Amino acid sequence: MSIKPGTLTAKGQETRRRIVAAAAQLMFERGVADTTIEDVRTLARVSNSQVYHYFADKTALVRAVIEYQTDAVIEPQDQLFARLDTLEGLREWRNFAVARQRELNCRGGCPIASLTSQLAEHDEAARLQLSHSFARWSAGLRSGLAVMHAAGRLHPDADPEALALSLLASLQGGLMLTQLDRDTRPLEVALDSTLAYIESLTVP
């Protein structure tokens, strides 16, 4: 059984965080299957007993990595989500996503999507956890669109939930092609097309 973070001392929380961060880095760079507990132990500079004190097995560690990567991807967007009730705010979010890929030299893609491609077909619990991660992301995008719709700034027939899913799907497809091409243009085109559609639904 894994120890819950809320039951740990400050020192214990920091050790656990270091283990999860090391595992997240290795699984992102090498893949889940090619990351061993020994690899994590070495990078985190902890003993085997410390790893197994916090995590019963590798499966439990993977669950923690999913949570860690979800927070790492979504939390930096929280302030942007609060401003998605205008076209300007939506474009700001778009620019944030593109700028982030430029900072990374278009390498790595989406950490949550990377875990999904590796785990979804053979780990049902992980699939459900990752589905919740994307639902959380979609909800952040939907919040501003719902405000626009309620305020009458989007056409009455517009569906904020569907528009949020379109944005997220455009982002994910754009990220994949951007990673392959090492060029942000696919991401820019995908997001701009969806934003243009949303703009067509706005009410003057």
Protein backbone atom coordinates (compact mmCIF):
# COMPACT_ATOMS: atom_id res chain seq x y z
CA MET A 1 0.00 0.00 0.00
CA SER A 2 1.26 3.49 -0.87
CA ILE A 3 1.42 6.20 1.76
CA LYS A 4 -0.86 9.17 1.12
CA PRO A 5 1.00 12.51 0.85
CA GLY A 6 -1.27 14.21 3.39
CA THR A 7 -0.14 11.84 6.15
CA LEU A 8 3.57 12.63 5.72
CA THR A 9 5.88 14.97 7.57
CA ALA A 10 7.37 17.88 5.63
CA LYS A 11 10.57 15.88 5.15
CA GLY A 12 8.58 12.85 4.02
CA GLN A 13 6.59 14.93 1.55
CA GLU A 14 9.78 16.33 0.05
CA THR A 15 11.31 12.86 -0.30
CA ARG A 16 8.16 11.53 -1.93
CA ARG A 17 7.99 14.55 -4.25
CA ARG A 18 11.62 13.98 -5.29
CA ILE A 19 10.91 10.34 -6.09
CA VAL A 20 7.83 11.19 -8.16
CA ALA A 21 9.62 14.01 -9.99
CA ALA A 22 12.49 11.68 -10.88
CA ALA A 23 10.08 9.00 -12.09
CA ALA A 24 8.13 11.54 -14.14
CA GLN A 25 11.31 12.78 -15.83
CA LEU A 26 12.53 9.30 -16.65
CA MET A 27 9.16 8.04 -17.88
CA PHE A 28 8.82 11.11 -20.11
CA GLU A 29 12.32 10.71 -21.54
CA ARG A 30 12.56 6.91 -21.74
CA GLY A 31 9.00 5.66 -21.49
CA VAL A 32 7.22 3.84 -18.68
CA ALA A 33 8.35 0.35 -19.68
CA ASP A 34 12.02 1.34 -19.86
CA THR A 35 12.04 3.09 -16.49
CA THR A 36 12.96 0.88 -13.54
CA ILE A 37 12.70 1.47 -9.83
CA GLU A 38 16.49 1.34 -9.75
CA ASP A 39 16.64 4.16 -12.31
CA VAL A 40 14.29 6.25 -10.19
CA ARG A 41 16.20 5.49 -7.02
CA THR A 42 19.46 6.61 -8.60
CA LEU A 43 18.11 9.86 -10.04
CA ALA A 44 16.19 10.77 -6.88
CA ARG A 45 19.19 9.89 -4.68
CA VAL A 46 17.19 7.68 -2.34
CA SER A 47 17.42 4.08 -1.20
CA ASN A 48 15.25 1.19 -2.33
CA SER A 49 13.67 1.08 1.11
CA GLN A 50 12.68 4.74 0.77
CA VAL A 51 11.05 4.16 -2.60
CA TYR A 52 9.07 1.19 -1.30
CA HIS A 53 8.19 3.07 1.87
CA TYR A 54 6.16 5.51 -0.22
CA PHE A 55 5.10 3.25 -3.10
CA ALA A 56 4.08 -0.38 -2.92
CA ASP A 57 5.26 -1.08 -6.47
CA LYS A 58 5.92 0.49 -9.85
CA THR A 59 2.19 0.61 -10.59
CA ALA A 60 1.61 2.85 -7.59
CA LEU A 61 4.48 5.05 -8.71
CA VAL A 62 2.97 5.36 -12.20
CA ARG A 63 -0.32 6.52 -10.63
CA ALA A 64 1.60 9.22 -8.77
CA VAL A 65 3.41 10.24 -11.95
CA ILE A 66 0.09 10.68 -13.78
CA GLU A 67 -1.10 12.98 -11.00
CA TYR A 68 2.20 14.86 -11.00
CA GLN A 69 2.24 15.40 -14.75
CA THR A 70 -1.42 16.42 -14.79
CA ASP A 71 -0.76 19.12 -12.19
CA ALA A 72 2.42 20.21 -13.99
CA VAL A 73 0.58 20.67 -17.29
CA ILE A 74 -2.72 22.15 -16.10
CA GLU A 75 -1.86 24.31 -13.09
CA PRO A 76 0.25 26.81 -15.12
CA GLN A 77 -2.87 27.37 -17.24
CA ASP A 78 -5.23 28.12 -14.34
CA GLN A 79 -4.82 31.89 -14.58
CA LEU A 80 -5.38 31.70 -18.33
CA PHE A 81 -8.54 29.62 -17.87
CA ALA A 82 -9.98 32.48 -15.82
CA ARG A 83 -9.70 34.76 -18.87
CA LEU A 84 -11.12 32.46 -21.54
CA ASP A 85 -14.44 34.35 -21.54
CA THR A 86 -13.17 36.66 -24.32
CA LEU A 87 -11.59 36.07 -27.71
CA GLU A 88 -8.54 37.96 -26.42
CA GLY A 89 -8.25 35.53 -23.53
CA LEU A 90 -8.58 32.55 -25.86
CA ARG A 91 -5.81 33.93 -28.06
CA GLU A 92 -3.64 34.50 -25.00
CA TRP A 93 -4.06 30.83 -24.10
CA ARG A 94 -3.20 29.89 -27.70
CA ASN A 95 -0.06 32.03 -27.57
CA PHE A 96 0.94 30.43 -24.26
CA ALA A 97 0.73 26.94 -25.80
CA VAL A 98 2.77 27.94 -28.84
CA ALA A 99 5.39 29.79 -26.80
CA ARG A 100 5.79 26.78 -24.52
CA GLN A 101 6.60 24.56 -27.49
CA ARG A 102 9.16 27.06 -28.72
CA GLU A 103 10.81 27.01 -25.30
CA LEU A 104 11.04 23.22 -25.53
CA ASN A 105 12.29 23.33 -29.15
CA CYS A 106 9.16 21.37 -30.07
CA ARG A 107 10.43 18.29 -28.23
CA GLY A 108 8.53 15.88 -26.02
CA GLY A 109 4.93 16.61 -26.92
CA CYS A 110 2.30 16.51 -24.19
CA PRO A 111 3.36 14.57 -21.06
CA ILE A 112 -0.23 13.46 -20.37
CA ALA A 113 -0.73 12.28 -23.95
CA SER A 114 2.60 10.46 -23.81
CA LEU A 115 1.45 8.48 -20.79
CA THR A 116 -1.89 7.83 -22.47
CA SER A 117 -0.29 6.28 -25.55
CA GLN A 118 1.78 3.99 -23.35
CA LEU A 119 -0.79 2.93 -20.78
CA ALA A 120 -4.36 3.24 -22.06
CA GLU A 121 -4.57 -0.09 -23.90
CA HIS A 122 -3.21 -2.35 -21.15
CA ASP A 123 -3.86 -0.56 -17.84
CA GLU A 124 -7.53 0.20 -17.30
CA ALA A 125 -7.02 2.05 -14.04
CA ALA A 126 -4.41 4.27 -15.66
CA ARG A 127 -6.69 4.88 -18.64
CA LEU A 128 -9.47 6.07 -16.35
CA GLN A 129 -7.07 8.28 -14.39
CA LEU A 130 -5.74 9.83 -17.59
CA SER A 131 -9.28 10.31 -18.89
CA HIS A 132 -9.98 12.28 -15.73
CA SER A 133 -6.85 14.35 -16.39
CA PHE A 134 -8.11 15.34 -19.83
CA ALA A 135 -11.60 15.97 -18.43
CA ARG A 136 -10.05 18.36 -15.92
CA TRP A 137 -8.21 20.12 -18.75
CA SER A 138 -11.37 20.33 -20.85
CA ALA A 139 -13.31 21.73 -17.89
CA GLY A 140 -10.77 24.54 -17.57
CA LEU A 141 -11.27 25.43 -21.22
CA ARG A 142 -15.04 25.10 -20.98
CA SER A 143 -15.42 27.47 -18.03
CA GLY A 144 -14.74 30.66 -19.97
CA LEU A 145 -16.74 29.53 -23.00
CA ALA A 146 -19.69 28.82 -20.70
CA VAL A 147 -19.46 32.37 -19.34
CA MET A 148 -19.47 33.75 -22.89
CA HIS A 149 -22.50 31.61 -23.75
CA ALA A 150 -24.43 32.57 -20.61
CA ALA A 151 -23.72 36.25 -21.25
CA GLY A 152 -25.09 36.01 -24.77
CA ARG A 153 -21.71 36.58 -26.42
CA LEU A 154 -21.88 33.20 -28.13
CA HIS A 155 -24.70 32.08 -30.43
CA PRO A 156 -27.48 30.33 -28.45
CA ASP A 157 -26.88 27.08 -30.37
CA ALA A 158 -23.17 27.05 -29.51
CA ASP A 159 -22.13 24.21 -27.19
CA PRO A 160 -19.35 25.29 -24.77
CA GLU A 161 -18.51 21.69 -23.91
CA ALA A 162 -18.12 20.70 -27.57
CA LEU A 163 -16.06 23.82 -28.27
CA ALA A 164 -13.77 23.03 -25.33
CA LEU A 165 -13.27 19.49 -26.63
CA SER A 166 -12.50 20.90 -30.07
CA LEU A 167 -9.86 23.18 -28.57
CA LEU A 168 -8.30 20.33 -26.62
CA ALA A 169 -8.34 17.99 -29.62
CA SER A 170 -6.78 20.71 -31.80
CA LEU A 171 -4.11 21.26 -29.18
CA GLN A 172 -3.28 17.56 -28.90
CA GLY A 173 -3.16 16.96 -32.65
CA GLY A 174 -1.11 20.10 -33.14
CA LEU A 175 1.32 19.08 -30.41
CA MET A 176 1.88 15.67 -31.99
CA LEU A 177 2.64 17.13 -35.43
CA THR A 178 4.73 19.91 -33.90
CA GLN A 179 6.81 17.26 -32.13
CA LEU A 180 7.28 15.33 -35.38
CA ASP A 181 8.10 18.38 -37.51
CA ARG A 182 10.07 20.30 -34.83
CA ASP A 183 8.01 23.29 -35.97
CA THR A 184 5.14 25.07 -34.19
CA ARG A 185 3.20 25.73 -37.40
CA PRO A 186 0.94 22.63 -37.12
CA LEU A 187 -0.03 23.69 -33.60
CA GLU A 188 -0.65 27.27 -34.70
CA VAL A 189 -2.79 26.20 -37.66
CA ALA A 190 -4.84 23.75 -35.58
CA LEU A 191 -5.55 26.22 -32.79
CA ASP A 192 -6.16 29.17 -35.11
CA SER A 193 -8.71 27.17 -37.10
CA THR A 194 -10.66 26.29 -33.97
CA LEU A 195 -10.46 29.86 -32.65
CA ALA A 196 -11.72 31.15 -36.00
CA TYR A 197 -14.72 28.81 -35.71
CA ILE A 198 -15.42 30.04 -32.17
CA GLU A 199 -15.15 33.62 -33.39
CA SER A 200 -17.73 32.85 -36.08
CA LEU A 201 -20.15 31.89 -33.30
CA THR A 202 -19.74 35.13 -31.35
CA VAL A 203 -22.57 37.64 -31.19
CA PRO A 204 -21.60 41.26 -32.00
